[in-house]
């Protein structure tokens, strides 16, 4: 797998890594909840983690393991753990690896539900500092002796701020802090997380990986570059595994087995199928998003367009160092598939969205279809006005997740909607 291009790896990963039976090119879907053993000693061995196998599908199944193998390989990691949703992947990782009294440094530009989760963590005795992650200096100023984790997104949703990933990675490495990044917006085909010092990835498989709005899923991927022997919160019971797998073992036990947000076998299968076309979908999505962003930036009805591909974006120059894709025997810079627009004061968000014919009003990302929704009154509504302002969310902000349509059709749809 190492000697072939990423496009080819995506198409053949299931067949090569998992070696399905009978010459199948996809791993079969195993819906069994229980697994029987002829020898009870074998059951005990698997239960105790001394040998590989499955004892109960809440903890593992061959369908989930097949997807985990592919995700770990494609991101250059050593292990992956799948969950029922992206939010369950984040919450399981945090609940597994943190204890009361620990300190976290978290991006101030998080997706609304993720921000709500970290706010709630403070009710469990955890200390959370929210900072502007576009400059690593802000991270350095907040580091304490009890800082365990730094968490951010690659491209913020919906403001599209780009975290100073390389700078943060250096600070975390120097201070032995676990660096966790949500790369939902920038999957493996466009972002090499290991190259900037990320230790764990969280991702919503629901979005670009699966890609067709037909399945929920999430994952935590261990990139194999963190020394878990230095991490104080690993339970002694899980140190029987190789040191490199201590983190994954604890996440699978405390986060997956105990919390129970298991990815269903059929969901794992659908996400695996989506992986095959990830590269071509991501390239088309990003190309469309750039074309649409340029058009909207020139429209009198739009006060501001937030999109990293525009020269007006504060972190525009950083993107070429971070996000790219193999194309035409070279590298093509990609700027992501989401953008957000602030309407002029005399334009009503609801009227504009209701006037769109092709673009769907829906809360989702990474679909084949272009989607739009009013941010302040939906995904950031519970955060309240004050927090929205702190996070850079205006009351007339519209988030767009750009799909695979012909870009001119998207432009025409916005043109007629804004003219009304």
Protein backbone atom coordinates (compact mmCIF):
# COMPACT_ATOMS: atom_id res chain seq x y z
CA UNK A 1 0.00 0.00 0.00
CA UNK A 2 2.93 2.38 0.61
CA UNK A 3 4.11 2.41 -2.99
CA UNK A 4 0.82 3.43 -4.62
CA UNK A 5 -0.92 6.79 -4.85
CA UNK A 6 -3.65 7.80 -2.43
CA UNK A 7 -6.42 7.58 -5.06
CA UNK A 8 -5.49 3.96 -5.70
CA UNK A 9 -5.11 3.22 -1.99
CA UNK A 10 -8.66 4.40 -1.38
CA UNK A 11 -10.12 2.16 -4.06
CA UNK A 12 -8.21 -0.98 -3.07
CA UNK A 13 -7.77 -0.54 0.70
CA UNK A 14 -10.56 -2.92 1.71
CA UNK A 15 -9.39 -5.68 -0.60
CA UNK A 16 -5.67 -5.40 0.21
CA UNK A 17 -5.75 -4.66 3.95
CA UNK A 18 -8.65 -6.87 5.01
CA UNK A 19 -8.40 -9.68 2.45
CA UNK A 20 -12.14 -10.52 2.32
CA UNK A 21 -13.10 -14.15 1.81
CA UNK A 22 -13.98 -15.75 -1.53
CA UNK A 23 -12.29 -13.05 -3.60
CA UNK A 24 -14.75 -10.34 -2.52
CA UNK A 25 -13.53 -6.76 -2.92
CA UNK A 26 -15.44 -5.61 0.19
CA UNK A 27 -15.43 -7.03 3.69
CA UNK A 28 -18.75 -8.74 4.36
CA UNK A 29 -21.15 -7.16 6.84
CA UNK A 30 -21.25 -9.19 10.05
CA UNK A 31 -24.42 -8.52 12.03
CA UNK A 32 -23.82 -11.03 14.81
CA UNK A 33 -24.02 -9.55 18.31
CA UNK A 34 -22.36 -12.50 20.03
CA UNK A 35 -19.38 -14.70 19.21
CA UNK A 36 -19.12 -18.31 20.42
CA UNK A 37 -15.89 -20.09 21.44
CA UNK A 38 -15.25 -23.82 21.47
CA UNK A 39 -12.74 -23.38 24.28
CA UNK A 40 -13.61 -21.09 27.20
CA UNK A 41 -9.89 -20.35 27.61
CA UNK A 42 -9.98 -18.62 24.21
CA UNK A 43 -12.98 -16.55 25.30
CA UNK A 44 -11.12 -15.51 28.44
CA UNK A 45 -7.99 -14.66 26.48
CA UNK A 46 -9.85 -12.33 24.10
CA UNK A 47 -11.83 -10.80 26.96
CA UNK A 48 -8.61 -9.99 28.81
CA UNK A 49 -6.93 -8.53 25.73
CA UNK A 50 -4.28 -11.23 25.55
CA UNK A 51 -5.31 -12.31 22.03
CA UNK A 52 -7.22 -10.78 19.13
CA UNK A 53 -10.87 -11.58 18.55
CA UNK A 54 -14.44 -10.50 19.19
CA UNK A 55 -16.55 -11.26 22.25
CA UNK A 56 -19.46 -8.83 21.88
CA UNK A 57 -20.27 -6.47 19.02
CA UNK A 58 -20.64 -3.42 21.29
CA UNK A 59 -16.86 -3.60 21.71
CA UNK A 60 -15.82 -4.84 18.26
CA UNK A 61 -16.92 -6.59 15.10
CA UNK A 62 -15.18 -7.67 11.92
CA UNK A 63 -17.07 -4.94 10.02
CA UNK A 64 -15.81 -2.17 12.29
CA UNK A 65 -12.29 -3.59 12.39
CA UNK A 66 -12.12 -3.62 8.58
CA UNK A 67 -12.98 0.09 8.46
CA UNK A 68 -10.57 0.84 11.30
CA UNK A 69 -7.74 -0.84 9.40
CA UNK A 70 -8.38 1.35 6.37
CA UNK A 71 -8.69 4.60 8.31
CA UNK A 72 -5.47 3.99 10.23
CA UNK A 73 -3.56 3.10 7.07
CA UNK A 74 -4.81 6.06 5.04
CA UNK A 75 -3.80 8.56 7.75
CA UNK A 76 -0.47 6.85 8.41
CA UNK A 77 -1.57 5.84 11.90
CA UNK A 78 -1.16 2.71 13.97
CA UNK A 79 -4.77 2.19 15.08
CA UNK A 80 -8.28 3.58 14.69
CA UNK A 81 -11.43 3.18 16.75
CA UNK A 82 -14.85 3.69 15.18
CA UNK A 83 -17.92 5.12 16.87
CA UNK A 84 -21.58 5.71 16.06
CA UNK A 85 -21.05 9.43 15.33
CA UNK A 86 -18.32 12.04 15.17
CA UNK A 87 -19.49 13.61 18.43
CA UNK A 88 -19.32 10.24 20.20
CA UNK A 89 -15.73 9.88 18.94
CA UNK A 90 -14.78 13.24 20.51
CA UNK A 91 -16.64 12.61 23.76
CA UNK A 92 -15.29 9.06 24.13
CA UNK A 93 -11.71 10.25 23.63
CA UNK A 94 -12.07 12.99 26.22
CA UNK A 95 -13.87 10.90 28.84
CA UNK A 96 -11.33 8.11 28.36
CA UNK A 97 -8.19 10.21 28.65
CA UNK A 98 -9.06 12.93 31.18
CA UNK A 99 -9.66 13.12 34.93
CA UNK A 100 -11.13 15.79 37.18
CA UNK A 101 -8.61 18.58 37.68
CA UNK A 102 -7.02 18.23 34.24
CA UNK A 103 -6.66 21.30 32.04
CA UNK A 104 -7.46 21.55 28.31
CA UNK A 105 -6.71 24.26 25.77
CA UNK A 106 -9.42 24.36 23.12
CA UNK A 107 -10.10 26.40 20.00
CA UNK A 108 -12.49 29.32 20.40
CA UNK A 109 -13.85 28.62 16.91
CA UNK A 110 -15.34 25.17 17.46
CA UNK A 111 -18.48 23.82 15.83
CA UNK A 112 -21.47 24.61 18.08
CA UNK A 113 -22.15 21.08 19.35
CA UNK A 114 -18.45 20.50 20.06
CA UNK A 115 -18.28 23.79 21.98
CA UNK A 116 -21.33 22.73 23.98
CA UNK A 117 -19.60 19.45 24.87
CA UNK A 118 -16.45 21.19 26.13
CA UNK A 119 -18.57 23.65 28.10
CA UNK A 120 -20.24 20.65 29.73
CA UNK A 121 -16.89 19.05 30.60
CA UNK A 122 -16.34 21.85 33.08
CA UNK A 123 -19.26 20.45 35.09
CA UNK A 124 -17.12 17.34 35.65
CA UNK A 125 -14.22 19.18 37.27
CA UNK A 126 -12.19 19.80 34.13
CA UNK A 127 -10.61 23.17 33.37
CA UNK A 128 -11.03 24.53 29.84
CA UNK A 129 -9.39 27.58 28.25
CA UNK A 130 -10.75 28.76 24.88
CA UNK A 131 -8.19 30.52 22.70
CA UNK A 132 -7.68 31.85 19.20
CA UNK A 133 -5.80 28.92 17.65
CA UNK A 134 -4.81 30.79 14.49
CA UNK A 135 -1.68 31.85 16.40
CA UNK A 136 0.23 29.22 18.39
CA UNK A 137 1.47 31.91 20.80
CA UNK A 138 -2.01 31.95 22.30
CA UNK A 139 -1.61 28.27 23.14
CA UNK A 140 1.81 28.77 24.73
CA UNK A 141 0.45 31.47 27.03
CA UNK A 142 -2.16 29.09 28.48
CA UNK A 143 0.00 26.02 29.12
CA UNK A 144 -0.04 24.87 32.75
CA UNK A 145 1.51 21.98 34.67
CA UNK A 146 -1.82 20.12 34.50
CA UNK A 147 -2.46 20.75 30.79
CA UNK A 148 -3.19 17.37 29.24
CA UNK A 149 -4.72 18.10 25.83
CA UNK A 150 -4.88 20.76 23.13
CA UNK A 151 -7.88 20.36 20.82
CA UNK A 152 -8.83 22.23 17.65
CA UNK A 153 -10.28 21.75 14.19
CA UNK A 154 -8.23 22.12 11.01
CA UNK A 155 -10.75 24.42 9.30
CA UNK A 156 -13.24 25.91 11.73
CA UNK A 157 -16.93 25.38 11.10
CA UNK A 158 -18.42 27.76 9.97
CA UNK A 159 -15.97 30.70 10.20
CA UNK A 160 -13.24 28.78 8.28
CA UNK A 161 -10.41 30.00 10.55
CA UNK A 162 -7.27 27.93 9.98
CA UNK A 163 -5.47 26.75 13.11
CA UNK A 164 -1.70 27.29 13.36
CA UNK A 165 -1.32 23.52 13.29
CA UNK A 166 2.44 23.31 12.84
CA UNK A 167 3.12 25.84 15.59
CA UNK A 168 0.70 24.15 17.98
CA UNK A 169 2.26 20.78 17.23
CA UNK A 170 5.68 22.11 18.24
CA UNK A 171 4.36 23.55 21.50
CA UNK A 172 2.60 20.30 22.39
CA UNK A 173 5.70 18.25 21.61
CA UNK A 174 7.93 20.53 23.68
CA UNK A 175 5.56 20.34 26.66
CA UNK A 176 4.53 16.67 26.29
CA UNK A 177 0.88 17.63 25.73
CA UNK A 178 -1.45 15.42 23.72
CA UNK A 179 -2.42 17.21 20.49
CA UNK A 180 -5.87 16.16 19.22
CA UNK A 181 -7.26 17.58 15.98
CA UNK A 182 -10.65 17.17 14.34
CA UNK A 183 -9.93 16.76 10.64
CA UNK A 184 -13.52 16.24 9.48
CA UNK A 185 -13.16 19.15 7.02
CA UNK A 186 -9.77 17.96 5.76
CA UNK A 187 -9.69 14.16 5.47
CA UNK A 188 -6.58 12.11 4.73
CA UNK A 189 -6.55 12.88 1.00
CA UNK A 190 -5.78 16.56 1.65
CA UNK A 191 -4.11 16.75 5.07
CA UNK A 192 -1.06 14.90 6.44
CA UNK A 193 -1.67 15.31 10.16
CA UNK A 194 1.51 13.54 11.25
CA UNK A 195 3.65 16.09 9.40
CA UNK A 196 2.55 18.86 11.78
CA UNK A 197 2.80 16.84 14.99
CA UNK A 198 -0.82 15.81 15.55
CA UNK A 199 -1.11 12.79 17.88
CA UNK A 200 -4.79 11.84 17.67
CA UNK A 201 -7.36 12.61 15.00
CA UNK A 202 -11.08 12.72 15.57
CA UNK A 203 -13.39 12.78 12.59
CA UNK A 204 -17.02 12.53 11.60
CA UNK A 205 -17.23 9.73 9.05
CA UNK A 206 -20.74 10.99 8.35
CA UNK A 207 -19.35 13.89 6.37
CA UNK A 208 -16.76 13.64 3.58
CA UNK A 209 -15.60 10.06 4.23
CA UNK A 210 -19.01 8.45 3.71
CA UNK A 211 -20.05 11.43 1.61
CA UNK A 212 -23.61 10.67 0.56
CA UNK A 213 -25.76 11.68 3.53
CA UNK A 214 -26.82 8.08 4.19
CA UNK A 215 -24.90 6.99 7.31
CA UNK A 216 -23.62 8.25 10.66
CA UNK A 217 -20.17 7.42 12.01
CA UNK A 218 -17.07 8.74 13.72
CA UNK A 219 -13.51 7.69 14.48
CA UNK A 220 -10.46 8.34 16.63
CA UNK A 221 -7.14 7.63 14.89
CA UNK A 222 -3.87 7.23 16.78
CA UNK A 223 -1.01 8.41 14.57
CA UNK A 224 1.60 6.56 16.63
CA UNK A 225 3.80 9.54 17.54
CA UNK A 226 2.90 10.08 21.21
CA UNK A 227 4.76 8.43 24.10
CA UNK A 228 1.91 7.06 26.19
CA UNK A 229 4.33 5.98 28.93
CA UNK A 230 4.51 9.69 29.87
CA UNK A 231 0.73 10.15 30.06
CA UNK A 232 -0.38 10.03 33.69
CA UNK A 233 -4.00 9.03 33.06
CA UNK A 234 -3.46 5.56 31.61
CA UNK A 235 -5.03 2.89 33.81
CA UNK A 236 -2.53 0.30 35.04
CA UNK A 237 -4.78 -2.47 33.75
CA UNK A 238 -4.32 -1.31 30.13
CA UNK A 239 -0.54 -1.11 30.29
CA UNK A 240 -0.28 -4.79 29.39
CA UNK A 241 -0.61 -3.76 25.73
CA UNK A 242 2.41 -2.41 23.80
CA UNK A 243 3.13 1.16 24.92
CA UNK A 244 2.19 2.63 21.53
CA UNK A 245 -1.32 1.17 21.93
CA UNK A 246 -2.02 2.25 25.50
CA UNK A 247 -4.08 5.23 24.38
CA UNK A 248 -6.12 3.28 21.85
CA UNK A 249 -6.68 0.43 24.31
CA UNK A 250 -8.04 2.81 26.94
CA UNK A 251 -10.24 4.60 24.40
CA UNK A 252 -11.66 1.27 23.23
CA UNK A 253 -12.31 0.06 26.77
CA UNK A 254 -13.43 3.19 28.61
CA UNK A 255 -14.76 5.08 25.61
CA UNK A 256 -16.31 2.49 23.32
CA UNK A 257 -17.09 -0.50 25.53
CA UNK A 258 -18.21 1.48 28.60
CA UNK A 259 -20.04 4.34 26.88
CA UNK A 260 -21.43 2.12 24.15
CA UNK A 261 -21.62 4.40 21.10
CA UNK A 262 -20.93 1.51 18.75
CA UNK A 263 -20.77 1.84 14.96
CA UNK A 264 -23.25 -0.59 13.43
CA UNK A 265 -21.81 -3.13 10.95
CA UNK A 266 -23.92 -1.86 8.06
CA UNK A 267 -22.82 1.70 8.83
CA UNK A 268 -19.19 0.59 8.74
CA UNK A 269 -19.81 -0.98 5.34
CA UNK A 270 -21.38 2.19 3.91
CA UNK A 271 -18.52 4.34 5.20
CA UNK A 272 -16.05 1.93 3.59
CA UNK A 273 -17.81 2.28 0.25
CA UNK A 274 -17.73 6.05 0.56
CA UNK A 275 -13.96 5.99 1.08
CA UNK A 276 -13.44 4.70 -2.46
CA UNK A 277 -14.50 7.99 -4.08
CA UNK A 278 -13.25 10.36 -1.36
CA UNK A 279 -10.38 11.83 -3.38
CA UNK A 280 -12.38 12.70 -6.49
CA UNK A 281 -15.32 14.03 -4.44
CA UNK A 282 -13.04 16.18 -2.31
CA UNK A 283 -11.31 17.66 -5.34
CA UNK A 284 -14.59 18.51 -7.10
CA UNK A 285 -16.14 19.90 -3.91
CA UNK A 286 -13.21 22.21 -3.26
CA UNK A 287 -13.08 23.40 -6.86
CA UNK A 288 -16.80 24.24 -6.74
CA UNK A 289 -16.44 25.99 -3.38
CA UNK A 290 -13.70 28.28 -4.70
CA UNK A 291 -15.72 29.24 -7.78
CA UNK A 292 -18.83 29.95 -5.72
CA UNK A 293 -16.88 31.89 -3.08
CA UNK A 294 -15.37 34.18 -5.71
CA UNK A 295 -18.79 34.86 -7.19
CA UNK A 296 -20.40 35.59 -3.83
CA UNK A 297 -17.54 37.87 -2.77
CA UNK A 298 -18.28 40.05 -5.79
CA UNK A 299 -22.03 40.30 -5.07
CA UNK A 300 -23.43 43.51 -3.57
CA UNK A 301 -25.76 41.54 -1.29
CA UNK A 302 -22.82 39.94 0.54
CA UNK A 303 -20.85 41.87 3.16
CA UNK A 304 -18.26 39.14 3.73
CA UNK A 305 -17.31 35.70 2.49
CA UNK A 306 -15.31 33.43 4.78
CA UNK A 307 -13.35 30.99 2.63
CA UNK A 308 -9.63 30.10 2.85
CA UNK A 309 -9.30 30.10 -0.93
CA UNK A 310 -9.88 33.85 -1.14
CA UNK A 311 -6.91 36.20 -0.86
CA UNK A 312 -8.99 38.22 1.63
CA UNK A 313 -8.95 35.32 4.11
CA UNK A 314 -6.57 36.02 7.05
CA UNK A 315 -4.92 32.58 6.82
CA UNK A 316 -4.96 32.26 3.04
CA UNK A 317 -1.17 31.87 2.76
CA UNK A 318 -1.07 29.09 5.36
CA UNK A 319 -3.36 26.80 3.42
CA UNK A 320 -0.84 25.84 0.72
CA UNK A 321 1.48 24.55 3.47
CA UNK A 322 -1.21 22.36 4.99
CA UNK A 323 -3.91 21.15 2.62
CA UNK A 324 -3.30 19.67 -0.81
CA UNK A 325 -4.16 16.68 -2.95
CA UNK A 326 -2.31 14.59 -5.51
CA UNK A 327 -3.35 15.79 -8.96
CA UNK A 328 -1.81 15.52 -12.43
CA UNK A 329 1.48 14.14 -11.11
CA UNK A 330 1.79 17.07 -8.71
CA UNK A 331 0.08 18.71 -5.77
CA UNK A 332 -3.06 20.82 -6.00
CA UNK A 333 -3.87 23.08 -3.06
CA UNK A 334 -7.38 22.59 -1.71
CA UNK A 335 -9.25 25.10 0.45
CA UNK A 336 -12.08 22.95 1.79
CA UNK A 337 -15.71 22.48 0.90
CA UNK A 338 -17.37 24.85 3.38
CA UNK A 339 -17.74 28.60 3.33
CA UNK A 340 -19.90 31.10 5.12
CA UNK A 341 -21.40 34.39 4.00
CA UNK A 342 -22.65 37.44 5.87
CA UNK A 343 -25.58 39.05 4.12
CA UNK A 344 -25.90 42.81 3.81
CA UNK A 345 -28.08 44.34 6.51
CA UNK A 346 -31.07 44.86 4.20
CA UNK A 347 -31.23 41.18 3.20
CA UNK A 348 -33.26 38.69 5.23
CA UNK A 349 -31.55 35.32 5.83
CA UNK A 350 -34.77 33.31 5.78
CA UNK A 351 -36.06 34.92 2.57
CA UNK A 352 -32.79 34.29 0.75
CA UNK A 353 -32.63 30.65 1.84
CA UNK A 354 -36.30 30.06 1.02
CA UNK A 355 -35.73 31.47 -2.46
CA UNK A 356 -33.02 28.95 -3.32
CA UNK A 357 -34.28 26.20 -5.64
CA UNK A 358 -31.27 23.92 -6.02
CA UNK A 359 -29.42 24.45 -2.75
CA UNK A 360 -31.01 22.58 0.16
CA UNK A 361 -31.65 24.09 3.58
CA UNK A 362 -30.29 21.33 5.81
CA UNK A 363 -27.94 20.78 8.72
CA UNK A 364 -25.19 18.56 7.35
CA UNK A 365 -21.78 18.80 5.68
CA UNK A 366 -19.79 16.91 3.11
CA UNK A 367 -22.76 15.78 1.04
CA UNK A 368 -22.92 15.37 -2.73
CA UNK A 369 -25.53 18.14 -2.70
CA UNK A 370 -24.91 21.79 -1.78
CA UNK A 371 -26.46 22.65 1.59
CA UNK A 372 -27.15 25.93 3.39
CA UNK A 373 -28.47 26.96 6.78
CA UNK A 374 -28.73 30.04 9.03
CA UNK A 375 -25.99 29.60 11.63
CA UNK A 376 -27.06 31.76 14.58
CA UNK A 377 -30.58 30.36 14.82
CA UNK A 378 -29.65 26.69 14.37
CA UNK A 379 -26.29 25.03 15.11
CA UNK A 380 -25.06 27.91 17.31
CA UNK A 381 -28.40 28.90 18.83
CA UNK A 382 -27.74 27.24 22.22
CA UNK A 383 -24.40 29.04 22.56
CA UNK A 384 -26.19 32.35 23.08
CA UNK A 385 -25.55 35.79 21.64
CA UNK A 386 -22.50 36.65 23.76
CA UNK A 387 -20.64 33.42 22.98
CA UNK A 388 -21.55 33.68 19.31
CA UNK A 389 -19.92 37.11 19.17
CA UNK A 390 -16.83 35.73 20.94
CA UNK A 391 -16.66 32.98 18.34
CA UNK A 392 -17.08 35.38 15.42
CA UNK A 393 -20.59 34.22 14.52
CA UNK A 394 -22.75 37.05 13.21
CA UNK A 395 -26.55 36.92 13.35
CA UNK A 396 -26.89 37.05 9.54
CA UNK A 397 -24.34 34.33 8.79
CA UNK A 398 -25.18 31.54 6.34
CA UNK A 399 -23.07 28.38 6.18
CA UNK A 400 -22.68 26.61 2.87
CA UNK A 401 -21.45 23.07 2.34
CA UNK A 402 -20.69 22.87 -1.36
CA UNK A 403 -21.52 19.72 -3.29
CA UNK A 404 -20.81 18.17 -6.67
CA UNK A 405 -23.21 20.11 -8.91
CA UNK A 406 -22.02 22.13 -11.90
CA UNK A 407 -20.72 25.41 -10.41
CA UNK A 408 -22.66 27.57 -12.86
CA UNK A 409 -25.92 26.05 -11.66
CA UNK A 410 -25.00 27.00 -8.11
CA UNK A 411 -24.14 30.55 -9.17
CA UNK A 412 -27.42 30.85 -11.05
CA UNK A 413 -29.38 29.66 -8.02
CA UNK A 414 -27.79 32.26 -5.73
CA UNK A 415 -28.16 34.93 -8.39
CA UNK A 416 -31.94 34.45 -8.61
CA UNK A 417 -32.36 34.07 -4.83
CA UNK A 418 -30.46 37.26 -4.03
CA UNK A 419 -32.31 39.17 -6.73
CA UNK A 420 -35.58 38.56 -4.88
